[in-house]
Amino acid sequence: MKNIILRDYHNTGLKEADIKMLDYAVKLTKNNKKITRIDIEILRNEGFNDKDNFDINQVVAYFNYVNRVVNGLGVELEKNI
């Protein structure tokens, strides 16, 4: 299931709210300068409140930050993680 979600989470049977959350996470990761109020409204329309949106943003941003630190320092991770 993990590989299917990584390849195409839109067609895995996830709830629409989860898909919208993942769409936001991908956009924040790959095109963060294009995030607008509309992206936040999409999450609100799926039932996420402002605290939820903050938490989603912080988890995604922190994950991206840590990956850049690790990559920038040339750290090699264990294969079995």
N, C-alpha and C. Protein backbone atom coordinates (compact mmCIF):
# COMPACT_ATOMS: atom_id res chain seq x y z
N MET A 1 0.83 -1.20 0.00
CA MET A 1 0.00 0.00 0.00
C MET A 1 0.87 1.26 0.00
N LYS A 2 1.99 1.22 0.73
CA LYS A 2 2.87 2.39 0.80
C LYS A 2 3.31 2.85 -0.58
N ASN A 3 3.76 1.92 -1.41
CA ASN A 3 4.23 2.28 -2.76
C ASN A 3 3.10 2.83 -3.62
N ILE A 4 1.90 2.31 -3.44
CA ILE A 4 0.75 2.80 -4.20
C ILE A 4 0.46 4.25 -3.81
N ILE A 5 0.48 4.54 -2.51
CA ILE A 5 0.22 5.90 -2.05
C ILE A 5 1.30 6.84 -2.55
N LEU A 6 2.55 6.40 -2.55
CA LEU A 6 3.63 7.25 -3.04
C LEU A 6 3.48 7.55 -4.52
N ARG A 7 3.01 6.59 -5.28
CA ARG A 7 2.89 6.77 -6.73
C ARG A 7 1.66 7.57 -7.12
N ASP A 8 0.51 7.29 -6.49
CA ASP A 8 -0.73 7.96 -6.89
C ASP A 8 -1.76 7.87 -5.77
N TYR A 9 -1.65 8.76 -4.80
CA TYR A 9 -2.57 8.74 -3.66
C TYR A 9 -4.00 9.12 -4.04
N HIS A 10 -4.20 9.69 -5.21
CA HIS A 10 -5.54 10.06 -5.63
C HIS A 10 -6.42 8.84 -5.92
N ASN A 11 -5.82 7.72 -6.22
CA ASN A 11 -6.58 6.52 -6.60
C ASN A 11 -6.36 5.36 -5.64
N THR A 12 -6.38 5.65 -4.35
CA THR A 12 -6.13 4.60 -3.35
C THR A 12 -7.32 4.37 -2.44
N GLY A 13 -8.39 5.11 -2.63
CA GLY A 13 -9.55 4.95 -1.76
C GLY A 13 -9.48 5.81 -0.51
N LEU A 14 -8.52 6.72 -0.44
CA LEU A 14 -8.45 7.64 0.69
C LEU A 14 -9.65 8.57 0.68
N LYS A 15 -10.01 9.06 1.86
CA LYS A 15 -11.09 10.05 1.95
C LYS A 15 -10.67 11.32 1.22
N GLU A 16 -11.64 12.04 0.69
CA GLU A 16 -11.37 13.27 -0.05
C GLU A 16 -10.60 14.27 0.80
N ALA A 17 -10.92 14.36 2.08
CA ALA A 17 -10.20 15.28 2.96
C ALA A 17 -8.72 14.93 3.04
N ASP A 18 -8.42 13.64 3.10
CA ASP A 18 -7.02 13.21 3.15
C ASP A 18 -6.30 13.53 1.84
N ILE A 19 -6.99 13.37 0.74
CA ILE A 19 -6.39 13.68 -0.56
C ILE A 19 -6.09 15.18 -0.65
N LYS A 20 -7.02 16.02 -0.20
CA LYS A 20 -6.80 17.47 -0.23
C LYS A 20 -5.64 17.85 0.68
N MET A 21 -5.52 17.19 1.82
CA MET A 21 -4.40 17.45 2.73
C MET A 21 -3.08 17.08 2.05
N LEU A 22 -3.04 15.95 1.38
CA LEU A 22 -1.84 15.53 0.68
C LEU A 22 -1.54 16.43 -0.51
N ASP A 23 -2.57 16.90 -1.19
CA ASP A 23 -2.36 17.88 -2.28
C ASP A 23 -1.67 19.13 -1.72
N TYR A 24 -2.14 19.60 -0.57
CA TYR A 24 -1.52 20.77 0.07
C TYR A 24 -0.07 20.47 0.44
N ALA A 25 0.18 19.29 1.00
CA ALA A 25 1.54 18.92 1.39
C ALA A 25 2.48 18.88 0.19
N VAL A 26 2.01 18.34 -0.91
CA VAL A 26 2.82 18.28 -2.14
C VAL A 26 3.09 19.69 -2.65
N LYS A 27 2.06 20.53 -2.67
CA LYS A 27 2.24 21.90 -3.16
C LYS A 27 3.19 22.68 -2.27
N LEU A 28 3.06 22.53 -0.94
CA LEU A 28 3.96 23.22 -0.02
C LEU A 28 5.39 22.74 -0.21
N THR A 29 5.57 21.49 -0.55
CA THR A 29 6.90 20.92 -0.75
C THR A 29 7.51 21.33 -2.09
N LYS A 30 6.72 21.27 -3.15
CA LYS A 30 7.26 21.47 -4.49
C LYS A 30 7.06 22.87 -5.06
N ASN A 31 6.01 23.57 -4.64
CA ASN A 31 5.69 24.90 -5.19
C ASN A 31 5.24 25.84 -4.08
N ASN A 32 6.01 25.93 -3.03
CA ASN A 32 5.56 26.67 -1.85
C ASN A 32 5.23 28.13 -2.13
N LYS A 33 5.85 28.73 -3.12
CA LYS A 33 5.57 30.13 -3.44
C LYS A 33 4.19 30.31 -4.08
N LYS A 34 3.57 29.21 -4.47
CA LYS A 34 2.25 29.30 -5.10
C LYS A 34 1.11 29.01 -4.12
N ILE A 35 1.42 28.80 -2.85
CA ILE A 35 0.37 28.61 -1.84
C ILE A 35 -0.38 29.93 -1.69
N THR A 36 -1.72 29.85 -1.70
CA THR A 36 -2.55 31.04 -1.53
C THR A 36 -3.64 30.76 -0.49
N ARG A 37 -4.42 31.77 -0.21
CA ARG A 37 -5.56 31.61 0.72
C ARG A 37 -6.52 30.54 0.20
N ILE A 38 -6.58 30.39 -1.10
CA ILE A 38 -7.48 29.37 -1.67
C ILE A 38 -7.09 27.98 -1.18
N ASP A 39 -5.80 27.71 -1.08
CA ASP A 39 -5.34 26.40 -0.60
C ASP A 39 -5.82 26.16 0.83
N ILE A 40 -5.79 27.20 1.65
CA ILE A 40 -6.27 27.08 3.03
C ILE A 40 -7.78 26.89 3.04
N GLU A 41 -8.49 27.61 2.17
CA GLU A 41 -9.94 27.47 2.09
C GLU A 41 -10.34 26.06 1.65
N ILE A 42 -9.57 25.47 0.76
CA ILE A 42 -9.85 24.09 0.33
C ILE A 42 -9.78 23.16 1.53
N LEU A 43 -8.78 23.34 2.37
CA LEU A 43 -8.67 22.51 3.58
C LEU A 43 -9.83 22.78 4.53
N ARG A 44 -10.19 24.05 4.71
CA ARG A 44 -11.33 24.39 5.58
C ARG A 44 -12.61 23.73 5.07
N ASN A 45 -12.80 23.76 3.76
CA ASN A 45 -14.00 23.16 3.18
C ASN A 45 -14.05 21.65 3.39
N GLU A 46 -12.91 21.04 3.65
CA GLU A 46 -12.86 19.59 3.92
C GLU A 46 -12.97 19.29 5.42
N GLY A 47 -13.15 20.35 6.23
CA GLY A 47 -13.36 20.13 7.66
C GLY A 47 -12.16 20.41 8.54
N PHE A 48 -11.05 20.84 7.96
CA PHE A 48 -9.87 21.18 8.75
C PHE A 48 -10.03 22.59 9.31
N ASN A 49 -9.84 22.76 10.62
CA ASN A 49 -9.92 24.09 11.21
C ASN A 49 -8.54 24.75 11.18
N ASP A 50 -8.46 25.97 11.69
CA ASP A 50 -7.20 26.70 11.62
C ASP A 50 -6.07 25.98 12.37
N LYS A 51 -6.38 25.36 13.51
CA LYS A 51 -5.35 24.60 14.24
C LYS A 51 -4.88 23.41 13.41
N ASP A 52 -5.82 22.71 12.78
CA ASP A 52 -5.45 21.58 11.91
C ASP A 52 -4.54 22.06 10.78
N ASN A 53 -4.92 23.17 10.15
CA ASN A 53 -4.13 23.70 9.04
C ASN A 53 -2.73 24.09 9.50
N PHE A 54 -2.63 24.69 10.68
CA PHE A 54 -1.33 25.03 11.24
C PHE A 54 -0.50 23.77 11.47
N ASP A 55 -1.12 22.76 12.06
CA ASP A 55 -0.41 21.50 12.33
C ASP A 55 0.06 20.83 11.04
N ILE A 56 -0.80 20.79 10.03
CA ILE A 56 -0.42 20.21 8.73
C ILE A 56 0.78 20.97 8.16
N ASN A 57 0.68 22.29 8.18
CA ASN A 57 1.76 23.13 7.66
C ASN A 57 3.06 22.87 8.41
N GLN A 58 3.01 22.80 9.72
CA GLN A 58 4.21 22.64 10.52
C GLN A 58 4.87 21.27 10.30
N VAL A 59 4.07 20.23 10.21
CA VAL A 59 4.62 18.88 9.98
C VAL A 59 5.29 18.82 8.61
N VAL A 60 4.63 19.33 7.59
CA VAL A 60 5.19 19.30 6.24
C VAL A 60 6.45 20.16 6.17
N ALA A 61 6.38 21.36 6.71
CA ALA A 61 7.54 22.27 6.66
C ALA A 61 8.72 21.69 7.43
N TYR A 62 8.46 21.11 8.60
CA TYR A 62 9.55 20.54 9.39
C TYR A 62 10.17 19.34 8.68
N PHE A 63 9.35 18.48 8.11
CA PHE A 63 9.85 17.33 7.37
C PHE A 63 10.75 17.79 6.23
N ASN A 64 10.31 18.81 5.49
CA ASN A 64 11.11 19.35 4.40
C ASN A 64 12.42 19.95 4.92
N TYR A 65 12.35 20.67 6.01
CA TYR A 65 13.55 21.26 6.61
C TYR A 65 14.56 20.18 6.99
N VAL A 66 14.10 19.16 7.69
CA VAL A 66 15.01 18.10 8.15
C VAL A 66 15.62 17.38 6.96
N ASN A 67 14.84 17.12 5.92
CA ASN A 67 15.39 16.47 4.73
C ASN A 67 16.48 17.31 4.08
N ARG A 68 16.28 18.61 4.04
CA ARG A 68 17.30 19.48 3.44
C ARG A 68 18.57 19.53 4.28
N VAL A 69 18.42 19.51 5.60
CA VAL A 69 19.59 19.48 6.48
C VAL A 69 20.36 18.18 6.26
N VAL A 70 19.65 17.06 6.28
CA VAL A 70 20.29 15.76 6.09
C VAL A 70 20.96 15.68 4.72
N ASN A 71 20.25 16.07 3.68
CA ASN A 71 20.83 16.03 2.34
C ASN A 71 22.01 16.98 2.22
N GLY A 72 21.89 18.16 2.79
CA GLY A 72 22.95 19.16 2.71
C GLY A 72 24.22 18.77 3.42
N LEU A 73 24.09 17.91 4.42
CA LEU A 73 25.27 17.44 5.16
C LEU A 73 25.79 16.10 4.65
N GLY A 74 25.10 15.55 3.66
CA GLY A 74 25.54 14.28 3.09
C GLY A 74 25.33 13.09 4.01
N VAL A 75 24.38 13.19 4.92
CA VAL A 75 24.10 12.09 5.84
C VAL A 75 23.47 10.95 5.07
N GLU A 76 23.96 9.75 5.30
CA GLU A 76 23.38 8.55 4.68
C GLU A 76 22.53 7.85 5.71
N LEU A 77 21.27 7.61 5.35
CA LEU A 77 20.35 6.94 6.26
C LEU A 77 20.45 5.44 6.11
N GLU A 78 20.05 4.74 7.17
CA GLU A 78 20.03 3.28 7.11
C GLU A 78 18.98 2.83 6.08
N LYS A 79 19.26 1.74 5.41
CA LYS A 79 18.36 1.24 4.36
C LYS A 79 17.07 0.63 4.92
N ASN A 80 17.09 0.15 6.15
CA ASN A 80 15.95 -0.58 6.72
C ASN A 80 14.98 0.32 7.46
N ILE A 81 15.03 1.61 7.24
CA ILE A 81 14.11 2.51 7.95
C ILE A 81 12.86 2.66 7.15
